[in-house]
């Protein structure tokens, strides 16, 4: 019986990598060896980016809440402390959305936080 060669699976594996490298600059999208390196590196960047995205959005929400608090005569940490003592359990994402979309409602929340701190 003739032995089975690995050409088909090798070609499939290489094509899969080249497909992932589609759109990369120059030989990175054409040659297997450089494409493989570029795909591995981009995979690492994507993995790291998914972690950084969470940090960056939290930072953005805090900056928005802080700016809205300053308009109402409070700072961020005092506001968050007052919210916790008042028993309001809105996350930072929702608080930043309220601060942008409905400033009157955010003002009511700051008043509620001030009352809880007294």
C-alpha atoms as a PDB file:
ATOM      1  CA  UNK A   1       0.000   0.000   0.000  1.00  0.00           C
ATOM      2  CA  UNK A   2       1.279   3.450  -0.917  1.00  0.00           C
ATOM      3  CA  UNK A   3       2.115   5.814   1.887  1.00  0.00           C
ATOM      4  CA  UNK A   4      -0.025   8.909   2.373  1.00  0.00           C
ATOM      5  CA  UNK A   5       1.801  12.179   1.918  1.00  0.00           C
ATOM      6  CA  UNK A   6       0.980  15.277   3.954  1.00  0.00           C
ATOM      7  CA  UNK A   7       0.662  17.691   1.051  1.00  0.00           C
ATOM      8  CA  UNK A   8      -3.084  18.249   1.332  1.00  0.00           C
ATOM      9  CA  UNK A   9      -3.099  19.030   5.061  1.00  0.00           C
ATOM     10  CA  UNK A  10       0.032  21.171   4.756  1.00  0.00           C
ATOM     11  CA  UNK A  11      -1.563  23.209   1.967  1.00  0.00           C
ATOM     12  CA  UNK A  12      -4.801  23.607   3.993  1.00  0.00           C
ATOM     13  CA  UNK A  13      -2.896  24.758   7.071  1.00  0.00           C
ATOM     14  CA  UNK A  14      -0.849  27.249   5.062  1.00  0.00           C
ATOM     15  CA  UNK A  15      -3.882  28.596   3.245  1.00  0.00           C
ATOM     16  CA  UNK A  16      -5.643  29.108   6.586  1.00  0.00           C
ATOM     17  CA  UNK A  17      -2.738  31.251   7.821  1.00  0.00           C
ATOM     18  CA  UNK A  18      -2.549  33.162   4.534  1.00  0.00           C
ATOM     19  CA  UNK A  19      -6.277  33.835   4.720  1.00  0.00           C
ATOM     20  CA  UNK A  20      -5.815  35.345   8.205  1.00  0.00           C
ATOM     21  CA  UNK A  21      -2.994  37.511   6.818  1.00  0.00           C
ATOM     22  CA  UNK A  22      -5.128  38.857   3.980  1.00  0.00           C
ATOM     23  CA  UNK A  23      -4.756  42.627   3.704  1.00  0.00           C
ATOM     24  CA  UNK A  24      -1.344  42.764   5.396  1.00  0.00           C
ATOM     25  CA  UNK A  25       1.338  44.883   3.713  1.00  0.00           C
ATOM     26  CA  UNK A  26       3.687  43.386   1.113  1.00  0.00           C
ATOM     27  CA  UNK A  27       5.061  39.903   1.575  1.00  0.00           C
ATOM     28  CA  UNK A  28       3.302  39.491   4.919  1.00  0.00           C
ATOM     29  CA  UNK A  29       0.160  38.559   3.012  1.00  0.00           C
ATOM     30  CA  UNK A  30       1.896  36.491   0.316  1.00  0.00           C
ATOM     31  CA  UNK A  31       4.688  34.406   1.843  1.00  0.00           C
ATOM     32  CA  UNK A  32       3.817  31.742   4.399  1.00  0.00           C
ATOM     33  CA  UNK A  33       6.764  32.248   6.741  1.00  0.00           C
ATOM     34  CA  UNK A  34       6.314  36.003   7.134  1.00  0.00           C
ATOM     35  CA  UNK A  35       2.527  35.655   7.169  1.00  0.00           C
ATOM     36  CA  UNK A  36       2.756  33.150  10.016  1.00  0.00           C
ATOM     37  CA  UNK A  37       4.902  35.544  12.064  1.00  0.00           C
ATOM     38  CA  UNK A  38       2.597  38.478  11.341  1.00  0.00           C
ATOM     39  CA  UNK A  39      -0.535  36.482  12.262  1.00  0.00           C
ATOM     40  CA  UNK A  40       1.029  35.322  15.537  1.00  0.00           C
ATOM     41  CA  UNK A  41       2.061  38.883  16.412  1.00  0.00           C
ATOM     42  CA  UNK A  42      -1.341  40.321  15.496  1.00  0.00           C
ATOM     43  CA  UNK A  43      -3.021  37.630  17.591  1.00  0.00           C
ATOM     44  CA  UNK A  44      -0.966  38.750  20.577  1.00  0.00           C
ATOM     45  CA  UNK A  45      -1.878  42.381  19.959  1.00  0.00           C
ATOM     46  CA  UNK A  46      -5.564  41.437  19.705  1.00  0.00           C
ATOM     47  CA  UNK A  47      -5.398  39.514  22.996  1.00  0.00           C
ATOM     48  CA  UNK A  48      -3.730  42.420  24.782  1.00  0.00           C
ATOM     49  CA  UNK A  49      -6.145  44.883  23.156  1.00  0.00           C
ATOM     50  CA  UNK A  50      -9.176  43.071  24.524  1.00  0.00           C
ATOM     51  CA  UNK A  51      -7.823  43.637  28.047  1.00  0.00           C
ATOM     52  CA  UNK A  52      -6.843  47.272  27.386  1.00  0.00           C
ATOM     53  CA  UNK A  53     -10.274  48.054  25.945  1.00  0.00           C
ATOM     54  CA  UNK A  54     -11.902  47.401  29.320  1.00  0.00           C
ATOM     55  CA  UNK A  55      -9.433  49.703  31.089  1.00  0.00           C
ATOM     56  CA  UNK A  56      -9.796  52.483  28.551  1.00  0.00           C
ATOM     57  CA  UNK A  57     -13.598  52.481  28.658  1.00  0.00           C
ATOM     58  CA  UNK A  58     -13.639  52.553  32.467  1.00  0.00           C
ATOM     59  CA  UNK A  59     -11.223  55.495  32.325  1.00  0.00           C
ATOM     60  CA  UNK A  60     -13.507  57.284  29.848  1.00  0.00           C
ATOM     61  CA  UNK A  61     -16.622  56.724  31.976  1.00  0.00           C
ATOM     62  CA  UNK A  62     -14.844  58.034  35.087  1.00  0.00           C
ATOM     63  CA  UNK A  63     -13.682  61.148  33.200  1.00  0.00           C
ATOM     64  CA  UNK A  64     -17.244  61.839  32.016  1.00  0.00           C
ATOM     65  CA  UNK A  65     -18.743  61.336  35.486  1.00  0.00           C
ATOM     66  CA  UNK A  66     -16.039  63.534  37.006  1.00  0.00           C
ATOM     67  CA  UNK A  67     -16.752  66.349  34.531  1.00  0.00           C
ATOM     68  CA  UNK A  68     -20.491  66.148  35.238  1.00  0.00           C
ATOM     69  CA  UNK A  69     -19.855  66.147  39.002  1.00  0.00           C
ATOM     70  CA  UNK A  70     -17.720  69.289  38.749  1.00  0.00           C
ATOM     71  CA  UNK A  71     -20.612  71.053  37.026  1.00  0.00           C
ATOM     72  CA  UNK A  72     -22.721  70.193  40.089  1.00  0.00           C
ATOM     73  CA  UNK A  73     -20.116  71.314  42.625  1.00  0.00           C
ATOM     74  CA  UNK A  74     -18.723  67.913  43.665  1.00  0.00           C
ATOM     75  CA  UNK A  75     -15.689  65.858  42.879  1.00  0.00           C
ATOM     76  CA  UNK A  76     -15.772  62.275  41.595  1.00  0.00           C
ATOM     77  CA  UNK A  77     -14.689  60.453  44.751  1.00  0.00           C
ATOM     78  CA  UNK A  78     -17.152  62.321  46.975  1.00  0.00           C
ATOM     79  CA  UNK A  79     -19.942  61.643  44.492  1.00  0.00           C
ATOM     80  CA  UNK A  80     -19.193  57.906  44.338  1.00  0.00           C
ATOM     81  CA  UNK A  81     -18.991  57.717  48.131  1.00  0.00           C
ATOM     82  CA  UNK A  82     -22.348  59.480  48.416  1.00  0.00           C
ATOM     83  CA  UNK A  83     -23.909  57.158  45.825  1.00  0.00           C
ATOM     84  CA  UNK A  84     -22.706  54.122  47.756  1.00  0.00           C
ATOM     85  CA  UNK A  85     -24.073  55.489  51.058  1.00  0.00           C
ATOM     86  CA  UNK A  86     -27.372  56.388  49.379  1.00  0.00           C
ATOM     87  CA  UNK A  87     -27.697  52.780  48.191  1.00  0.00           C
ATOM     88  CA  UNK A  88     -27.750  53.663  44.486  1.00  0.00           C
ATOM     89  CA  UNK A  89     -26.128  50.804  42.584  1.00  0.00           C
ATOM     90  CA  UNK A  90     -25.666  52.236  39.098  1.00  0.00           C
ATOM     91  CA  UNK A  91     -22.459  51.251  37.358  1.00  0.00           C
ATOM     92  CA  UNK A  92     -20.057  53.782  35.885  1.00  0.00           C
ATOM     93  CA  UNK A  93     -21.154  53.090  32.322  1.00  0.00           C
ATOM     94  CA  UNK A  94     -24.780  53.957  33.103  1.00  0.00           C
ATOM     95  CA  UNK A  95     -23.803  56.981  35.199  1.00  0.00           C
ATOM     96  CA  UNK A  96     -21.748  58.364  32.303  1.00  0.00           C
ATOM     97  CA  UNK A  97     -24.642  57.778  29.884  1.00  0.00           C
ATOM     98  CA  UNK A  98     -27.013  59.623  32.251  1.00  0.00           C
ATOM     99  CA  UNK A  99     -24.492  62.462  32.587  1.00  0.00           C
ATOM    100  CA  UNK A 100     -24.406  62.887  28.789  1.00  0.00           C
ATOM    101  CA  UNK A 101     -28.026  62.195  27.846  1.00  0.00           C
ATOM    102  CA  UNK A 102     -29.937  63.618  30.821  1.00  0.00           C
ATOM    103  CA  UNK A 103     -28.040  66.256  32.840  1.00  0.00           C
ATOM    104  CA  UNK A 104     -31.138  67.038  34.944  1.00  0.00           C
ATOM    105  CA  UNK A 105     -31.328  63.433  36.142  1.00  0.00           C
ATOM    106  CA  UNK A 106     -27.610  63.489  36.934  1.00  0.00           C
ATOM    107  CA  UNK A 107     -28.104  66.643  38.977  1.00  0.00           C
ATOM    108  CA  UNK A 108     -30.812  64.822  40.945  1.00  0.00           C
ATOM    109  CA  UNK A 109     -28.340  61.978  41.571  1.00  0.00           C
ATOM    110  CA  UNK A 110     -25.707  64.424  42.857  1.00  0.00           C
ATOM    111  CA  UNK A 111     -28.278  65.957  45.216  1.00  0.00           C
ATOM    112  CA  UNK A 112     -29.124  62.473  46.449  1.00  0.00           C
ATOM    113  CA  UNK A 113     -25.405  61.760  47.018  1.00  0.00           C
ATOM    114  CA  UNK A 114     -25.000  65.061  48.933  1.00  0.00           C
ATOM    115  CA  UNK A 115     -27.969  64.181  51.194  1.00  0.00           C
ATOM    116  CA  UNK A 116     -26.481  60.748  51.960  1.00  0.00           C
ATOM    117  CA  UNK A 117     -23.181  62.315  53.023  1.00  0.00           C
ATOM    118  CA  UNK A 118     -24.808  64.638  55.585  1.00  0.00           C
END
